[in-house]
Amino acid sequence: MLMFMVAGLSALWVVAFLVGYGVTSENVGAAMVQLLPGAFSFALAVKIRPERPRIRLWINILEVVWVLIAFGRIGQGDVTGVLGLILPGIILVLVNTRAARSYFVPGRYF
């Protein structure tokens, strides 16, 4: 559910960015950088099923990318980077709990 929310927030950010700054080729390129991880988050959220350990691995990789994007914003002096650490942090903690790990391991989900 949180991954769908991340994808929706990413799409909302892109729309707000393009409305606020105008649709130019440079702005569209900057918006795509934010939209690609959001689209990937949506695709992974749709594919979550029991006994698919690779999906869990890709979720972890995606959330680390989101954390790196947030650190990049913090490094540029953008305060939204701090807020951008919240959802990836929560998702990383929840995906790596014992219950979630057993959900993704083949043959071990009850």
PDB file of N, CA and C in Angstrom:
ATOM      1  N   MET A   1       0.815  -1.187   0.000  1.00  0.00           N
ATOM      2  CA  MET A   1       0.000   0.000   0.000  1.00  0.00           C
ATOM      3  C   MET A   1       0.869   1.266   0.000  1.00  0.00           C
ATOM      4  N   LEU A   2       1.950   1.245   0.789  1.00  0.00           N
ATOM      5  CA  LEU A   2       2.832   2.413   0.826  1.00  0.00           C
ATOM      6  C   LEU A   2       3.517   2.645  -0.517  1.00  0.00           C
ATOM      7  N   MET A   3       3.794   1.574  -1.230  1.00  0.00           N
ATOM      8  CA  MET A   3       4.460   1.739  -2.520  1.00  0.00           C
ATOM      9  C   MET A   3       3.523   2.377  -3.542  1.00  0.00           C
ATOM     10  N   PHE A   4       2.229   2.072  -3.457  1.00  0.00           N
ATOM     11  CA  PHE A   4       1.261   2.754  -4.320  1.00  0.00           C
ATOM     12  C   PHE A   4       1.213   4.243  -3.969  1.00  0.00           C
ATOM     13  N   MET A   5       1.305   4.545  -2.671  1.00  0.00           N
ATOM     14  CA  MET A   5       1.286   5.925  -2.234  1.00  0.00           C
ATOM     15  C   MET A   5       2.526   6.671  -2.739  1.00  0.00           C
ATOM     16  N   VAL A   6       3.679   6.020  -2.693  1.00  0.00           N
ATOM     17  CA  VAL A   6       4.908   6.632  -3.204  1.00  0.00           C
ATOM     18  C   VAL A   6       4.768   6.917  -4.699  1.00  0.00           C
ATOM     19  N   ALA A   7       4.195   5.978  -5.438  1.00  0.00           N
ATOM     20  CA  ALA A   7       4.010   6.180  -6.879  1.00  0.00           C
ATOM     21  C   ALA A   7       3.049   7.343  -7.141  1.00  0.00           C
ATOM     22  N   GLY A   8       1.977   7.408  -6.374  1.00  0.00           N
ATOM     23  CA  GLY A   8       1.022   8.507  -6.535  1.00  0.00           C
ATOM     24  C   GLY A   8       1.620   9.854  -6.179  1.00  0.00           C
ATOM     25  N   LEU A   9       2.393   9.905  -5.100  1.00  0.00           N
ATOM     26  CA  LEU A   9       3.051  11.154  -4.719  1.00  0.00           C
ATOM     27  C   LEU A   9       4.079  11.581  -5.750  1.00  0.00           C
ATOM     28  N   SER A  10       4.745  10.612  -6.339  1.00  0.00           N
ATOM     29  CA  SER A  10       5.712  10.921  -7.390  1.00  0.00           C
ATOM     30  C   SER A  10       5.018  11.539  -8.598  1.00  0.00           C
ATOM     31  N   ALA A  11       3.895  10.963  -9.000  1.00  0.00           N
ATOM     32  CA  ALA A  11       3.136  11.504 -10.134  1.00  0.00           C
ATOM     33  C   ALA A  11       2.584  12.895  -9.806  1.00  0.00           C
ATOM     34  N   LEU A  12       2.113  13.076  -8.581  1.00  0.00           N
ATOM     35  CA  LEU A  12       1.598  14.378  -8.169  1.00  0.00           C
ATOM     36  C   LEU A  12       2.702  15.430  -8.166  1.00  0.00           C
ATOM     37  N   TRP A  13       3.894  15.045  -7.723  1.00  0.00           N
ATOM     38  CA  TRP A  13       5.027  15.965  -7.724  1.00  0.00           C
ATOM     39  C   TRP A  13       5.375  16.389  -9.147  1.00  0.00           C
ATOM     40  N   VAL A  14       5.350  15.443 -10.080  1.00  0.00           N
ATOM     41  CA  VAL A  14       5.676  15.755 -11.479  1.00  0.00           C
ATOM     42  C   VAL A  14       4.670  16.752 -12.044  1.00  0.00           C
ATOM     43  N   VAL A  15       3.392  16.532 -11.782  1.00  0.00           N
ATOM     44  CA  VAL A  15       2.367  17.450 -12.286  1.00  0.00           C
ATOM     45  C   VAL A  15       2.548  18.834 -11.671  1.00  0.00           C
ATOM     46  N   ALA A  16       2.760  18.883 -10.357  1.00  0.00           N
ATOM     47  CA  ALA A  16       2.942  20.176  -9.689  1.00  0.00           C
ATOM     48  C   ALA A  16       4.192  20.887 -10.189  1.00  0.00           C
ATOM     49  N   PHE A  17       5.251  20.139 -10.418  1.00  0.00           N
ATOM     50  CA  PHE A  17       6.498  20.717 -10.925  1.00  0.00           C
ATOM     51  C   PHE A  17       6.295  21.320 -12.306  1.00  0.00           C
ATOM     52  N   LEU A  18       5.639  20.575 -13.184  1.00  0.00           N
ATOM     53  CA  LEU A  18       5.437  21.065 -14.550  1.00  0.00           C
ATOM     54  C   LEU A  18       4.465  22.236 -14.592  1.00  0.00           C
ATOM     55  N   VAL A  19       3.460  22.236 -13.734  1.00  0.00           N
ATOM     56  CA  VAL A  19       2.534  23.368 -13.683  1.00  0.00           C
ATOM     57  C   VAL A  19       3.244  24.597 -13.117  1.00  0.00           C
ATOM     58  N   GLY A  20       4.046  24.389 -12.085  1.00  0.00           N
ATOM     59  CA  GLY A  20       4.709  25.512 -11.438  1.00  0.00           C
ATOM     60  C   GLY A  20       5.832  26.125 -12.250  1.00  0.00           C
ATOM     61  N   TYR A  21       6.604  25.298 -12.927  1.00  0.00           N
ATOM     62  CA  TYR A  21       7.770  25.806 -13.648  1.00  0.00           C
ATOM     63  C   TYR A  21       7.587  25.853 -15.163  1.00  0.00           C
ATOM     64  N   GLY A  22       6.500  25.337 -15.655  1.00  0.00           N
ATOM     65  CA  GLY A  22       6.260  25.348 -17.089  1.00  0.00           C
ATOM     66  C   GLY A  22       6.805  24.105 -17.764  1.00  0.00           C
ATOM     67  N   VAL A  23       6.256  23.807 -18.927  1.00  0.00           N
ATOM     68  CA  VAL A  23       6.654  22.608 -19.661  1.00  0.00           C
ATOM     69  C   VAL A  23       7.718  22.990 -20.678  1.00  0.00           C
ATOM     70  N   THR A  24       8.963  22.769 -20.295  1.00  0.00           N
ATOM     71  CA  THR A  24      10.084  22.950 -21.213  1.00  0.00           C
ATOM     72  C   THR A  24      10.816  21.614 -21.278  1.00  0.00           C
ATOM     73  N   SER A  25      11.693  21.485 -22.228  1.00  0.00           N
ATOM     74  CA  SER A  25      12.402  20.208 -22.356  1.00  0.00           C
ATOM     75  C   SER A  25      13.263  19.934 -21.125  1.00  0.00           C
ATOM     76  N   GLU A  26      13.855  20.962 -20.551  1.00  0.00           N
ATOM     77  CA  GLU A  26      14.671  20.779 -19.353  1.00  0.00           C
ATOM     78  C   GLU A  26      13.813  20.347 -18.165  1.00  0.00           C
ATOM     79  N   ASN A  27      12.644  20.966 -18.004  1.00  0.00           N
ATOM     80  CA  ASN A  27      11.757  20.613 -16.898  1.00  0.00           C
ATOM     81  C   ASN A  27      11.161  19.217 -17.062  1.00  0.00           C
ATOM     82  N   VAL A  28      10.845  18.837 -18.285  1.00  0.00           N
ATOM     83  CA  VAL A  28      10.328  17.485 -18.527  1.00  0.00           C
ATOM     84  C   VAL A  28      11.400  16.450 -18.188  1.00  0.00           C
ATOM     85  N   GLY A  29      12.639  16.738 -18.552  1.00  0.00           N
ATOM     86  CA  GLY A  29      13.732  15.822 -18.208  1.00  0.00           C
ATOM     87  C   GLY A  29      13.921  15.699 -16.709  1.00  0.00           C
ATOM     88  N   ALA A  30      13.853  16.817 -16.006  1.00  0.00           N
ATOM     89  CA  ALA A  30      13.980  16.784 -14.544  1.00  0.00           C
ATOM     90  C   ALA A  30      12.804  16.037 -13.912  1.00  0.00           C
ATOM     91  N   ALA A  31      11.622  16.200 -14.484  1.00  0.00           N
ATOM     92  CA  ALA A  31      10.442  15.512 -13.952  1.00  0.00           C
ATOM     93  C   ALA A  31      10.533  14.003 -14.199  1.00  0.00           C
ATOM     94  N   MET A  32      11.105  13.596 -15.316  1.00  0.00           N
ATOM     95  CA  MET A  32      11.236  12.163 -15.611  1.00  0.00           C
ATOM     96  C   MET A  32      12.162  11.469 -14.623  1.00  0.00           C
ATOM     97  N   VAL A  33      13.174  12.192 -14.149  1.00  0.00           N
ATOM     98  CA  VAL A  33      14.077  11.616 -13.153  1.00  0.00           C
ATOM     99  C   VAL A  33      13.300  11.240 -11.898  1.00  0.00           C
ATOM    100  N   GLN A  34      12.316  12.047 -11.552  1.00  0.00           N
ATOM    101  CA  GLN A  34      11.487  11.756 -10.373  1.00  0.00           C
ATOM    102  C   GLN A  34      10.393  10.742 -10.690  1.00  0.00           C
ATOM    103  N   LEU A  35       9.903  10.749 -11.913  1.00  0.00           N
ATOM    104  CA  LEU A  35       8.790   9.868 -12.265  1.00  0.00           C
ATOM    105  C   LEU A  35       9.225   8.417 -12.462  1.00  0.00           C
ATOM    106  N   LEU A  36      10.431   8.179 -12.942  1.00  0.00           N
ATOM    107  CA  LEU A  36      10.877   6.801 -13.196  1.00  0.00           C
ATOM    108  C   LEU A  36      10.895   5.931 -11.936  1.00  0.00           C
ATOM    109  N   PRO A  37      11.489   6.385 -10.816  1.00  0.00           N
ATOM    110  CA  PRO A  37      11.396   5.549  -9.618  1.00  0.00           C
ATOM    111  C   PRO A  37       9.958   5.365  -9.127  1.00  0.00           C
ATOM    112  N   GLY A  38       9.117   6.369  -9.333  1.00  0.00           N
ATOM    113  CA  GLY A  38       7.710   6.243  -8.946  1.00  0.00           C
ATOM    114  C   GLY A  38       6.986   5.201  -9.786  1.00  0.00           C
ATOM    115  N   ALA A  39       7.265   5.189 -11.086  1.00  0.00           N
ATOM    116  CA  ALA A  39       6.656   4.184 -11.965  1.00  0.00           C
ATOM    117  C   ALA A  39       7.171   2.787 -11.626  1.00  0.00           C
ATOM    118  N   PHE A  40       8.453   2.688 -11.305  1.00  0.00           N
ATOM    119  CA  PHE A  40       9.031   1.405 -10.911  1.00  0.00           C
ATOM    120  C   PHE A  40       8.427   0.931  -9.588  1.00  0.00           C
ATOM    121  N   SER A  41       8.170   1.870  -8.691  1.00  0.00           N
ATOM    122  CA  SER A  41       7.520   1.542  -7.418  1.00  0.00           C
ATOM    123  C   SER A  41       6.117   0.986  -7.660  1.00  0.00           C
ATOM    124  N   PHE A  42       5.380   1.598  -8.578  1.00  0.00           N
ATOM    125  CA  PHE A  42       4.046   1.110  -8.910  1.00  0.00           C
ATOM    126  C   PHE A  42       4.104  -0.291  -9.513  1.00  0.00           C
ATOM    127  N   ALA A  43       5.060  -0.504 -10.434  1.00  0.00           N
ATOM    128  CA  ALA A  43       5.186  -1.817 -11.075  1.00  0.00           C
ATOM    129  C   ALA A  43       5.526  -2.903 -10.050  1.00  0.00           C
ATOM    130  N   LEU A  44       6.404  -2.594  -9.107  1.00  0.00           N
ATOM    131  CA  LEU A  44       6.742  -3.582  -8.074  1.00  0.00           C
ATOM    132  C   LEU A  44       5.568  -3.836  -7.141  1.00  0.00           C
ATOM    133  N   ALA A  45       4.825  -2.790  -6.811  1.00  0.00           N
ATOM    134  CA  ALA A  45       3.676  -2.955  -5.911  1.00  0.00           C
ATOM    135  C   ALA A  45       2.621  -3.858  -6.542  1.00  0.00           C
ATOM    136  N   VAL A  46       2.471  -3.778  -7.853  1.00  0.00           N
ATOM    137  CA  VAL A  46       1.501  -4.636  -8.537  1.00  0.00           C
ATOM    138  C   VAL A  46       1.960  -6.096  -8.532  1.00  0.00           C
ATOM    139  N   LYS A  47       3.265  -6.338  -8.566  1.00  0.00           N
ATOM    140  CA  LYS A  47       3.801  -7.696  -8.669  1.00  0.00           C
ATOM    141  C   LYS A  47       4.027  -8.392  -7.327  1.00  0.00           C
ATOM    142  N   ILE A  48       3.740  -7.729  -6.211  1.00  0.00           N
ATOM    143  CA  ILE A  48       3.990  -8.356  -4.906  1.00  0.00           C
ATOM    144  C   ILE A  48       3.065  -9.553  -4.736  1.00  0.00           C
ATOM    145  N   ARG A  49       3.651 -10.709  -4.552  1.00  0.00           N
ATOM    146  CA  ARG A  49       2.936 -11.972  -4.309  1.00  0.00           C
ATOM    147  C   ARG A  49       3.780 -12.797  -3.341  1.00  0.00           C
ATOM    148  N   PRO A  50       3.179 -13.757  -2.685  1.00  0.00           N
ATOM    149  CA  PRO A  50       3.984 -14.639  -1.829  1.00  0.00           C
ATOM    150  C   PRO A  50       5.001 -15.422  -2.654  1.00  0.00           C
ATOM    151  N   GLU A  51       6.095 -15.761  -2.015  1.00  0.00           N
ATOM    152  CA  GLU A  51       7.132 -16.615  -2.585  1.00  0.00           C
ATOM    153  C   GLU A  51       7.808 -16.004  -3.806  1.00  0.00           C
ATOM    154  N   ARG A  52       8.049 -14.720  -3.787  1.00  0.00           N
ATOM    155  CA  ARG A  52       8.799 -14.052  -4.856  1.00  0.00           C
ATOM    156  C   ARG A  52       9.934 -13.251  -4.230  1.00  0.00           C
ATOM    157  N   PRO A  53      11.047 -13.911  -3.915  1.00  0.00           N
ATOM    158  CA  PRO A  53      12.134 -13.218  -3.210  1.00  0.00           C
ATOM    159  C   PRO A  53      12.809 -12.122  -4.029  1.00  0.00           C
ATOM    160  N   ARG A  54      12.780 -12.228  -5.331  1.00  0.00           N
ATOM    161  CA  ARG A  54      13.416 -11.186  -6.146  1.00  0.00           C
ATOM    162  C   ARG A  54      12.666  -9.859  -6.057  1.00  0.00           C
ATOM    163  N   ILE A  55      11.359  -9.925  -5.871  1.00  0.00           N
ATOM    164  CA  ILE A  55      10.578  -8.699  -5.720  1.00  0.00           C
ATOM    165  C   ILE A  55      11.035  -7.958  -4.462  1.00  0.00           C
ATOM    166  N   ARG A  56      11.267  -8.697  -3.386  1.00  0.00           N
ATOM    167  CA  ARG A  56      11.752  -8.079  -2.142  1.00  0.00           C
ATOM    168  C   ARG A  56      13.118  -7.432  -2.370  1.00  0.00           C
ATOM    169  N   LEU A  57      13.979  -8.088  -3.102  1.00  0.00           N
ATOM    170  CA  LEU A  57      15.288  -7.525  -3.411  1.00  0.00           C
ATOM    171  C   LEU A  57      15.149  -6.224  -4.201  1.00  0.00           C
ATOM    172  N   TRP A  58      14.280  -6.222  -5.207  1.00  0.00           N
ATOM    173  CA  TRP A  58      14.083  -5.027  -6.020  1.00  0.00           C
ATOM    174  C   TRP A  58      13.438  -3.896  -5.213  1.00  0.00           C
ATOM    175  N   ILE A  59      12.562  -4.251  -4.274  1.00  0.00           N
ATOM    176  CA  ILE A  59      11.977  -3.224  -3.406  1.00  0.00           C
ATOM    177  C   ILE A  59      13.074  -2.569  -2.566  1.00  0.00           C
ATOM    178  N   ASN A  60      13.971  -3.387  -2.014  1.00  0.00           N
ATOM    179  CA  ASN A  60      15.075  -2.838  -1.232  1.00  0.00           C
ATOM    180  C   ASN A  60      15.963  -1.929  -2.083  1.00  0.00           C
ATOM    181  N   ILE A  61      16.276  -2.356  -3.289  1.00  0.00           N
ATOM    182  CA  ILE A  61      17.112  -1.535  -4.183  1.00  0.00           C
ATOM    183  C   ILE A  61      16.415  -0.220  -4.512  1.00  0.00           C
ATOM    184  N   LEU A  62      15.122  -0.291  -4.815  1.00  0.00           N
ATOM    185  CA  LEU A  62      14.373   0.922  -5.148  1.00  0.00           C
ATOM    186  C   LEU A  62      14.337   1.899  -3.972  1.00  0.00           C
ATOM    187  N   GLU A  63      14.126   1.393  -2.789  1.00  0.00           N
ATOM    188  CA  GLU A  63      14.057   2.283  -1.626  1.00  0.00           C
ATOM    189  C   GLU A  63      15.420   2.896  -1.322  1.00  0.00           C
ATOM    190  N   VAL A  64      16.495   2.175  -1.576  1.00  0.00           N
ATOM    191  CA  VAL A  64      17.832   2.757  -1.408  1.00  0.00           C
ATOM    192  C   VAL A  64      18.036   3.878  -2.430  1.00  0.00           C
ATOM    193  N   VAL A  65      17.516   3.709  -3.647  1.00  0.00           N
ATOM    194  CA  VAL A  65      17.592   4.778  -4.652  1.00  0.00           C
ATOM    195  C   VAL A  65      16.839   6.010  -4.159  1.00  0.00           C
ATOM    196  N   TRP A  66      15.645   5.810  -3.589  1.00  0.00           N
ATOM    197  CA  TRP A  66      14.881   6.937  -3.039  1.00  0.00           C
ATOM    198  C   TRP A  66      15.660   7.627  -1.924  1.00  0.00           C
ATOM    199  N   VAL A  67      16.328   6.850  -1.076  1.00  0.00           N
ATOM    200  CA  VAL A  67      17.129   7.436   0.012  1.00  0.00           C
ATOM    201  C   VAL A  67      18.289   8.252  -0.573  1.00  0.00           C
ATOM    202  N   LEU A  68      18.933   7.736  -1.609  1.00  0.00           N
ATOM    203  CA  LEU A  68      20.030   8.475  -2.244  1.00  0.00           C
ATOM    204  C   LEU A  68      19.537   9.768  -2.892  1.00  0.00           C
ATOM    205  N   ILE A  69      18.353   9.731  -3.494  1.00  0.00           N
ATOM    206  CA  ILE A  69      17.766  10.955  -4.054  1.00  0.00           C
ATOM    207  C   ILE A  69      17.524  11.969  -2.939  1.00  0.00           C
ATOM    208  N   ALA A  70      17.015  11.501  -1.800  1.00  0.00           N
ATOM    209  CA  ALA A  70      16.764  12.393  -0.664  1.00  0.00           C
ATOM    210  C   ALA A  70      18.074  12.974  -0.125  1.00  0.00           C
ATOM    211  N   PHE A  71      19.124  12.154  -0.031  1.00  0.00           N
ATOM    212  CA  PHE A  71      20.421  12.659   0.416  1.00  0.00           C
ATOM    213  C   PHE A  71      20.980  13.688  -0.566  1.00  0.00           C
ATOM    214  N   GLY A  72      20.751  13.470  -1.852  1.00  0.00           N
ATOM    215  CA  GLY A  72      21.175  14.444  -2.849  1.00  0.00           C
ATOM    216  C   GLY A  72      20.476  15.777  -2.662  1.00  0.00           C
ATOM    217  N   ARG A  73      19.206  15.735  -2.335  1.00  0.00           N
ATOM    218  CA  ARG A  73      18.471  16.979  -2.070  1.00  0.00           C
ATOM    219  C   ARG A  73      18.990  17.670  -0.820  1.00  0.00           C
ATOM    220  N   ILE A  74      19.257  16.883   0.215  1.00  0.00           N
ATOM    221  CA  ILE A  74      19.794  17.469   1.439  1.00  0.00           C
ATOM    222  C   ILE A  74      21.147  18.120   1.154  1.00  0.00           C
ATOM    223  N   GLY A  75      21.974  17.463   0.353  1.00  0.00           N
ATOM    224  CA  GLY A  75      23.280  18.001  -0.001  1.00  0.00           C
ATOM    225  C   GLY A  75      23.203  19.299  -0.782  1.00  0.00           C
ATOM    226  N   GLN A  76      22.103  19.510  -1.488  1.00  0.00           N
ATOM    227  CA  GLN A  76      21.924  20.745  -2.246  1.00  0.00           C
ATOM    228  C   GLN A  76      21.232  21.828  -1.427  1.00  0.00           C
ATOM    229  N   GLY A  77      20.961  21.525  -0.160  1.00  0.00           N
ATOM    230  CA  GLY A  77      20.326  22.506   0.711  1.00  0.00           C
ATOM    231  C   GLY A  77      18.810  22.526   0.627  1.00  0.00           C
ATOM    232  N   ASP A  78      18.207  21.510   0.007  1.00  0.00           N
ATOM    233  CA  ASP A  78      16.754  21.433  -0.118  1.00  0.00           C
ATOM    234  C   ASP A  78      16.186  20.714   1.103  1.00  0.00           C
ATOM    235  N   VAL A  79      15.281  21.374   1.807  1.00  0.00           N
ATOM    236  CA  VAL A  79      14.735  20.805   3.037  1.00  0.00           C
ATOM    237  C   VAL A  79      13.809  19.620   2.761  1.00  0.00           C
ATOM    238  N   THR A  80      13.272  19.518   1.559  1.00  0.00           N
ATOM    239  CA  THR A  80      12.366  18.401   1.266  1.00  0.00           C
ATOM    240  C   THR A  80      13.087  17.058   1.262  1.00  0.00           C
ATOM    241  N   GLY A  81      14.413  17.092   1.215  1.00  0.00           N
ATOM    242  CA  GLY A  81      15.167  15.844   1.287  1.00  0.00           C
ATOM    243  C   GLY A  81      14.964  15.130   2.604  1.00  0.00           C
ATOM    244  N   VAL A  82      14.817  15.895   3.684  1.00  0.00           N
ATOM    245  CA  VAL A  82      14.570  15.287   4.999  1.00  0.00           C
ATOM    246  C   VAL A  82      13.223  14.582   4.998  1.00  0.00           C
ATOM    247  N   LEU A  83      12.215  15.226   4.417  1.00  0.00           N
ATOM    248  CA  LEU A  83      10.895  14.593   4.328  1.00  0.00           C
ATOM    249  C   LEU A  83      10.919  13.398   3.380  1.00  0.00           C
ATOM    250  N   GLY A  84      11.787  13.454   2.376  1.00  0.00           N
ATOM    251  CA  GLY A  84      11.913  12.358   1.426  1.00  0.00           C
ATOM    252  C   GLY A  84      12.543  11.106   2.006  1.00  0.00           C
ATOM    253  N   LEU A  85      13.089  11.196   3.195  1.00  0.00           N
ATOM    254  CA  LEU A  85      13.666  10.021   3.859  1.00  0.00           C
ATOM    255  C   LEU A  85      12.619   9.218   4.625  1.00  0.00           C
ATOM    256  N   ILE A  86      11.469   9.805   4.890  1.00  0.00           N
ATOM    257  CA  ILE A  86      10.481   9.162   5.765  1.00  0.00           C
ATOM    258  C   ILE A  86       9.885   7.904   5.140  1.00  0.00           C
ATOM    259  N   LEU A  87       9.246   8.035   3.975  1.00  0.00           N
ATOM    260  CA  LEU A  87       8.586   6.869   3.366  1.00  0.00           C
ATOM    261  C   LEU A  87       9.555   5.754   2.980  1.00  0.00           C
ATOM    262  N   PRO A  88      10.685   6.050   2.335  1.00  0.00           N
ATOM    263  CA  PRO A  88      11.615   4.946   2.044  1.00  0.00           C
ATOM    264  C   PRO A  88      12.115   4.257   3.308  1.00  0.00           C
ATOM    265  N   GLY A  89      12.339   5.039   4.362  1.00  0.00           N
ATOM    266  CA  GLY A  89      12.775   4.439   5.629  1.00  0.00           C
ATOM    267  C   GLY A  89      11.743   3.500   6.202  1.00  0.00           C
ATOM    268  N   ILE A  90      10.484   3.927   6.184  1.00  0.00           N
ATOM    269  CA  ILE A  90       9.402   3.079   6.695  1.00  0.00           C
ATOM    270  C   ILE A  90       9.281   1.810   5.857  1.00  0.00           C
ATOM    271  N   ILE A  91       9.332   1.950   4.539  1.00  0.00           N
ATOM    272  CA  ILE A  91       9.197   0.781   3.665  1.00  0.00           C
ATOM    273  C   ILE A  91      10.362  -0.178   3.858  1.00  0.00           C
ATOM    274  N   LEU A  92      11.580   0.353   3.993  1.00  0.00           N
ATOM    275  CA  LEU A  92      12.739  -0.523   4.217  1.00  0.00           C
ATOM    276  C   LEU A  92      12.602  -1.301   5.520  1.00  0.00           C
ATOM    277  N   VAL A  93      12.128  -0.648   6.560  1.00  0.00           N
ATOM    278  CA  VAL A  93      11.943  -1.343   7.840  1.00  0.00           C
ATOM    279  C   VAL A  93      10.867  -2.417   7.714  1.00  0.00           C
ATOM    280  N   LEU A  94       9.745  -2.079   7.085  1.00  0.00           N
ATOM    281  CA  LEU A  94       8.643  -3.043   6.987  1.00  0.00           C
ATOM    282  C   LEU A  94       8.965  -4.222   6.077  1.00  0.00           C
ATOM    283  N   VAL A  95       9.697  -3.987   4.992  1.00  0.00           N
ATOM    284  CA  VAL A  95      10.018  -5.075   4.064  1.00  0.00           C
ATOM    285  C   VAL A  95      11.039  -6.029   4.667  1.00  0.00           C
ATOM    286  N   ASN A  96      11.824  -5.551   5.611  1.00  0.00           N
ATOM    287  CA  ASN A  96      12.866  -6.392   6.186  1.00  0.00           C
ATOM    288  C   ASN A  96      12.516  -6.962   7.556  1.00  0.00           C
ATOM    289  N   THR A  97      11.246  -6.910   7.946  1.00  0.00           N
ATOM    290  CA  THR A  97      10.835  -7.579   9.184  1.00  0.00           C
ATOM    291  C   THR A  97      10.779  -9.085   8.938  1.00  0.00           C
ATOM    292  N   ARG A  98      10.749  -9.835  10.002  1.00  0.00           N
ATOM    293  CA  ARG A  98      10.736 -11.296   9.888  1.00  0.00           C
ATOM    294  C   ARG A  98       9.494 -11.783   9.131  1.00  0.00           C
ATOM    295  N   ALA A  99       8.342 -11.195   9.405  1.00  0.00           N
ATOM    296  CA  ALA A  99       7.113 -11.613   8.728  1.00  0.00           C
ATOM    297  C   ALA A  99       7.183 -11.346   7.227  1.00  0.00           C
ATOM    298  N   ALA A 100       7.718 -10.202   6.849  1.00  0.00           N
ATOM    299  CA  ALA A 100       7.827  -9.884   5.426  1.00  0.00           C
ATOM    300  C   ALA A 100       8.839 -10.785   4.737  1.00  0.00           C
ATOM    301  N   ARG A 101       9.952 -11.064   5.396  1.00  0.00           N
ATOM    302  CA  ARG A 101      10.953 -11.957   4.794  1.00  0.00           C
ATOM    303  C   ARG A 101      10.368 -13.344   4.580  1.00  0.00           C
ATOM    304  N   SER A 102       9.599 -13.849   5.549  1.00  0.00           N
ATOM    305  CA  SER A 102       9.017 -15.186   5.386  1.00  0.00           C
ATOM    306  C   SER A 102       7.922 -15.179   4.310  1.00  0.00           C
ATOM    307  N   TYR A 103       7.285 -14.031   4.096  1.00  0.00           N
ATOM    308  CA  TYR A 103       6.267 -13.921   3.051  1.00  0.00           C
ATOM    309  C   TYR A 103       6.887 -14.109   1.665  1.00  0.00           C
ATOM    310  N   PHE A 104       8.096 -13.615   1.477  1.00  0.00           N
ATOM    311  CA  PHE A 104       8.736 -13.674   0.173  1.00  0.00           C
ATOM    312  C   PHE A 104       9.550 -14.940  -0.069  1.00  0.00           C
ATOM    313  N   VAL A 105       9.824 -15.732   0.966  1.00  0.00           N
ATOM    314  CA  VAL A 105      10.637 -16.937   0.810  1.00  0.00           C
ATOM    315  C   VAL A 105       9.763 -18.082   0.301  1.00  0.00           C
ATOM    316  N   PRO A 106      10.168 -18.775  -0.765  1.00  0.00           N
ATOM    317  CA  PRO A 106       9.361 -19.887  -1.292  1.00  0.00           C
ATOM    318  C   PRO A 106       9.196 -21.038  -0.286  1.00  0.00           C
ATOM    319  N   GLY A 107       7.966 -21.497  -0.134  1.00  0.00           N
ATOM    320  CA  GLY A 107       7.674 -22.659   0.688  1.00  0.00           C
ATOM    321  C   GLY A 107       7.610 -22.398   2.180  1.00  0.00           C
ATOM    322  N   ARG A 108       7.751 -21.143   2.612  1.00  0.00           N
ATOM    323  CA  ARG A 108       7.767 -20.869   4.039  1.00  0.00           C
ATOM    324  C   ARG A 108       6.616 -20.002   4.479  1.00  0.00           C
ATOM    325  N   TYR A 109       5.719 -19.641   3.580  1.00  0.00           N
ATOM    326  CA  TYR A 109       4.595 -18.792   3.971  1.00  0.00           C
ATOM    327  C   TYR A 109       3.430 -19.679   4.365  1.00  0.00           C
ATOM    328  N   PHE A 110       2.784 -19.388   5.478  1.00  0.00           N
ATOM    329  CA  PHE A 110       1.705 -20.258   5.928  1.00  0.00           C
ATOM    330  C   PHE A 110       0.468 -19.909   5.196  1.00  0.00           C
TER     331      PHE A 110
END
